[in-house]
Amino acid sequence: MKIINCTPHKITVLSRKGVEQDSKKQFLALPEGIEVLAEIEPSGVLPRVQMSDTCVGDVQGIPLHEVIYGNIENLPPVTGGTLLIVSGVVAAAAAKQGRKDVIAPGGLVRDKNNPGIVLGCLFLQKP
């Protein structure tokens, strides 16, 4: 099976070694304690979902918008034996269109000392 990374980021898949889950169900690890299973470089192909939004009111003075998802742009055609790693939004939109060849990173692992930094993911997921 061939995997093509259609995101702008290198996808780093980690083992569960050194990874813990906190009370908020976040996966955390120290960078020096992780084990990398695979790294998948970006292909340069970046599918995107067209989006538009409309203001539908406000909540406590904060604007509330409804987002409408449209067509997927730049998604390669189905090729037998190939999976495409895409964003979760693209994967969900493609799945609604019947695509079975899209997957997304899942189980994001964050740096225990700086949770704003994503170290990798634990698996690839089907929408």
C-alpha atoms as a PDB file:
ATOM      1  CA  MET A   1       0.000   0.000   0.000  1.00  0.00           C
ATOM      2  CA  LYS A   2       1.347   3.416  -0.962  1.00  0.00           C
ATOM      3  CA  ILE A   3       0.729   6.450   1.289  1.00  0.00           C
ATOM      4  CA  ILE A   4       0.865  10.021  -0.050  1.00  0.00           C
ATOM      5  CA  ASN A   5       0.986  12.887   2.449  1.00  0.00           C
ATOM      6  CA  CYS A   6      -1.318  15.633   1.136  1.00  0.00           C
ATOM      7  CA  THR A   7      -0.782  17.965   4.103  1.00  0.00           C
ATOM      8  CA  PRO A   8       1.784  20.763   4.380  1.00  0.00           C
ATOM      9  CA  HIS A   9       3.485  19.026   7.339  1.00  0.00           C
ATOM     10  CA  LYS A  10       5.717  16.013   7.762  1.00  0.00           C
ATOM     11  CA  ILE A  11       3.612  13.291   9.397  1.00  0.00           C
ATOM     12  CA  THR A  12       5.461  11.597  12.240  1.00  0.00           C
ATOM     13  CA  VAL A  13       3.859   8.409  13.532  1.00  0.00           C
ATOM     14  CA  LEU A  14       4.929   7.436  17.055  1.00  0.00           C
ATOM     15  CA  SER A  15       4.752   4.274  19.103  1.00  0.00           C
ATOM     16  CA  ARG A  16       3.021   4.478  22.471  1.00  0.00           C
ATOM     17  CA  LYS A  17       6.423   4.187  24.212  1.00  0.00           C
ATOM     18  CA  GLY A  18       6.851   7.203  26.509  1.00  0.00           C
ATOM     19  CA  VAL A  19       3.351   8.517  25.749  1.00  0.00           C
ATOM     20  CA  GLU A  20       0.828   9.096  28.518  1.00  0.00           C
ATOM     21  CA  GLN A  21      -2.732  10.347  28.515  1.00  0.00           C
ATOM     22  CA  ASP A  22      -3.746  13.090  30.924  1.00  0.00           C
ATOM     23  CA  SER A  23      -7.115  13.644  32.614  1.00  0.00           C
ATOM     24  CA  LYS A  24      -8.252  15.689  29.577  1.00  0.00           C
ATOM     25  CA  LYS A  25      -7.535  12.678  27.316  1.00  0.00           C
ATOM     26  CA  GLN A  26      -4.589  14.467  25.657  1.00  0.00           C
ATOM     27  CA  PHE A  27      -1.583  12.368  24.666  1.00  0.00           C
ATOM     28  CA  LEU A  28       1.630  13.826  26.112  1.00  0.00           C
ATOM     29  CA  ALA A  29       5.299  12.851  25.939  1.00  0.00           C
ATOM     30  CA  LEU A  30       8.781  14.231  26.386  1.00  0.00           C
ATOM     31  CA  PRO A  31      10.549  14.628  23.016  1.00  0.00           C
ATOM     32  CA  GLU A  32      13.550  12.607  24.193  1.00  0.00           C
ATOM     33  CA  GLY A  33      11.325   9.700  25.266  1.00  0.00           C
ATOM     34  CA  ILE A  34       9.417   9.058  22.031  1.00  0.00           C
ATOM     35  CA  GLU A  35       9.943   6.326  19.461  1.00  0.00           C
ATOM     36  CA  VAL A  36       9.321   7.210  15.811  1.00  0.00           C
ATOM     37  CA  LEU A  37       7.682   4.463  13.732  1.00  0.00           C
ATOM     38  CA  ALA A  38       7.456   6.375  10.450  1.00  0.00           C
ATOM     39  CA  GLU A  39       7.949   9.810   8.937  1.00  0.00           C
ATOM     40  CA  ILE A  40       6.034  10.745   5.803  1.00  0.00           C
ATOM     41  CA  GLU A  41       7.172  13.875   3.995  1.00  0.00           C
ATOM     42  CA  PRO A  42       4.658  16.247   2.344  1.00  0.00           C
ATOM     43  CA  SER A  43       4.023  15.590  -1.349  1.00  0.00           C
ATOM     44  CA  GLY A  44       3.315  19.213  -2.251  1.00  0.00           C
ATOM     45  CA  VAL A  45      -0.307  18.349  -3.103  1.00  0.00           C
ATOM     46  CA  LEU A  46      -2.652  20.295  -0.810  1.00  0.00           C
ATOM     47  CA  PRO A  47      -6.370  19.519  -1.078  1.00  0.00           C
ATOM     48  CA  ARG A  48      -8.669  22.084   0.501  1.00  0.00           C
ATOM     49  CA  VAL A  49     -12.398  22.270   1.141  1.00  0.00           C
ATOM     50  CA  GLN A  50     -14.143  25.406  -0.064  1.00  0.00           C
ATOM     51  CA  MET A  51     -15.824  27.113   2.875  1.00  0.00           C
ATOM     52  CA  SER A  52     -18.167  30.031   3.326  1.00  0.00           C
ATOM     53  CA  ASP A  53     -19.739  31.418   6.450  1.00  0.00           C
ATOM     54  CA  THR A  54     -22.762  33.445   7.428  1.00  0.00           C
ATOM     55  CA  CYS A  55     -23.357  35.283  10.676  1.00  0.00           C
ATOM     56  CA  VAL A  56     -26.354  33.684  12.397  1.00  0.00           C
ATOM     57  CA  GLY A  57     -26.325  35.725  15.591  1.00  0.00           C
ATOM     58  CA  ASP A  58     -24.188  36.082  18.651  1.00  0.00           C
ATOM     59  CA  VAL A  59     -23.533  34.405  21.982  1.00  0.00           C
ATOM     60  CA  GLN A  60     -22.804  36.797  24.846  1.00  0.00           C
ATOM     61  CA  GLY A  61     -21.709  39.429  22.322  1.00  0.00           C
ATOM     62  CA  ILE A  62     -19.446  37.022  20.397  1.00  0.00           C
ATOM     63  CA  PRO A  63     -20.371  36.609  16.714  1.00  0.00           C
ATOM     64  CA  LEU A  64     -21.729  33.147  15.869  1.00  0.00           C
ATOM     65  CA  HIS A  65     -21.252  31.964  12.289  1.00  0.00           C
ATOM     66  CA  GLU A  66     -22.548  28.969  10.403  1.00  0.00           C
ATOM     67  CA  VAL A  67     -19.886  27.439   8.158  1.00  0.00           C
ATOM     68  CA  ILE A  68     -20.900  25.773   4.916  1.00  0.00           C
ATOM     69  CA  TYR A  69     -18.454  23.307   3.370  1.00  0.00           C
ATOM     70  CA  GLY A  70     -18.331  23.073  -0.416  1.00  0.00           C
ATOM     71  CA  ASN A  71     -16.275  21.306  -3.042  1.00  0.00           C
ATOM     72  CA  ILE A  72     -12.883  19.781  -2.418  1.00  0.00           C
ATOM     73  CA  GLU A  73     -10.140  21.395  -4.480  1.00  0.00           C
ATOM     74  CA  ASN A  74      -6.921  19.668  -5.538  1.00  0.00           C
ATOM     75  CA  LEU A  75      -7.784  16.170  -4.246  1.00  0.00           C
ATOM     76  CA  PRO A  76      -6.030  13.602  -6.459  1.00  0.00           C
ATOM     77  CA  PRO A  77      -8.214  10.987  -8.149  1.00  0.00           C
ATOM     78  CA  VAL A  78      -8.591   7.522  -6.660  1.00  0.00           C
ATOM     79  CA  THR A  79      -5.606   5.320  -7.485  1.00  0.00           C
ATOM     80  CA  GLY A  80      -5.758   1.664  -6.508  1.00  0.00           C
ATOM     81  CA  GLY A  81      -3.439   0.706  -3.669  1.00  0.00           C
ATOM     82  CA  THR A  82      -2.881   4.321  -2.578  1.00  0.00           C
ATOM     83  CA  LEU A  83      -4.052   6.139   0.555  1.00  0.00           C
ATOM     84  CA  LEU A  84      -3.987   9.932   0.837  1.00  0.00           C
ATOM     85  CA  ILE A  85      -3.230  11.593   4.183  1.00  0.00           C
ATOM     86  CA  VAL A  86      -5.309  14.774   4.361  1.00  0.00           C
ATOM     87  CA  SER A  87      -6.633  17.095   7.060  1.00  0.00           C
ATOM     88  CA  GLY A  88      -9.573  15.933   9.144  1.00  0.00           C
ATOM     89  CA  VAL A  89     -11.886  18.423   7.395  1.00  0.00           C
ATOM     90  CA  VAL A  90     -10.868  17.209   3.932  1.00  0.00           C
ATOM     91  CA  ALA A  91     -11.162  13.567   5.044  1.00  0.00           C
ATOM     92  CA  ALA A  92     -14.699  14.124   6.382  1.00  0.00           C
ATOM     93  CA  ALA A  93     -15.799  15.953   3.214  1.00  0.00           C
ATOM     94  CA  ALA A  94     -14.242  13.297   0.957  1.00  0.00           C
ATOM     95  CA  ALA A  95     -15.847  10.473   2.948  1.00  0.00           C
ATOM     96  CA  LYS A  96     -19.259  12.138   2.461  1.00  0.00           C
ATOM     97  CA  GLN A  97     -18.563  11.946  -1.273  1.00  0.00           C
ATOM     98  CA  GLY A  98     -17.844   8.216  -0.968  1.00  0.00           C
ATOM     99  CA  ARG A  99     -14.045   8.362  -1.067  1.00  0.00           C
ATOM    100  CA  LYS A 100     -12.476   5.446   0.811  1.00  0.00           C
ATOM    101  CA  ASP A 101      -8.846   6.318   0.054  1.00  0.00           C
ATOM    102  CA  VAL A 102      -8.477   9.269   2.465  1.00  0.00           C
ATOM    103  CA  ILE A 103      -7.058   9.091   5.975  1.00  0.00           C
ATOM    104  CA  ALA A 104      -6.028  11.689   8.552  1.00  0.00           C
ATOM    105  CA  PRO A 105      -3.589  11.828  11.467  1.00  0.00           C
ATOM    106  CA  GLY A 106      -5.131  10.691  14.761  1.00  0.00           C
ATOM    107  CA  GLY A 107      -4.110  10.554  18.396  1.00  0.00           C
ATOM    108  CA  LEU A 108      -1.955  13.688  18.340  1.00  0.00           C
ATOM    109  CA  VAL A 109       0.909  13.565  20.832  1.00  0.00           C
ATOM    110  CA  ARG A 110       1.941  16.878  22.375  1.00  0.00           C
ATOM    111  CA  ASP A 111       5.126  17.906  24.156  1.00  0.00           C
ATOM    112  CA  LYS A 112       4.533  17.373  27.884  1.00  0.00           C
ATOM    113  CA  ASN A 113       6.419  20.592  28.765  1.00  0.00           C
ATOM    114  CA  ASN A 114       4.946  22.671  25.943  1.00  0.00           C
ATOM    115  CA  PRO A 115       1.520  21.305  24.870  1.00  0.00           C
ATOM    116  CA  GLY A 116       1.382  23.793  21.991  1.00  0.00           C
ATOM    117  CA  ILE A 117       3.954  21.648  20.174  1.00  0.00           C
ATOM    118  CA  VAL A 118       2.741  18.506  18.398  1.00  0.00           C
ATOM    119  CA  LEU A 119       5.402  15.782  18.367  1.00  0.00           C
ATOM    120  CA  GLY A 120       3.499  13.392  16.114  1.00  0.00           C
ATOM    121  CA  CYS A 121       0.499  11.111  15.990  1.00  0.00           C
ATOM    122  CA  LEU A 122      -0.188   7.596  17.237  1.00  0.00           C
ATOM    123  CA  PHE A 123      -2.154   6.369  14.230  1.00  0.00           C
ATOM    124  CA  LEU A 124      -3.739   7.234  10.919  1.00  0.00           C
ATOM    125  CA  GLN A 125      -7.530   7.204  10.930  1.00  0.00           C
ATOM    126  CA  LYS A 126     -10.303   6.644   8.434  1.00  0.00           C
ATOM    127  CA  PRO A 127     -13.166   9.147   8.634  1.00  0.00           C
END
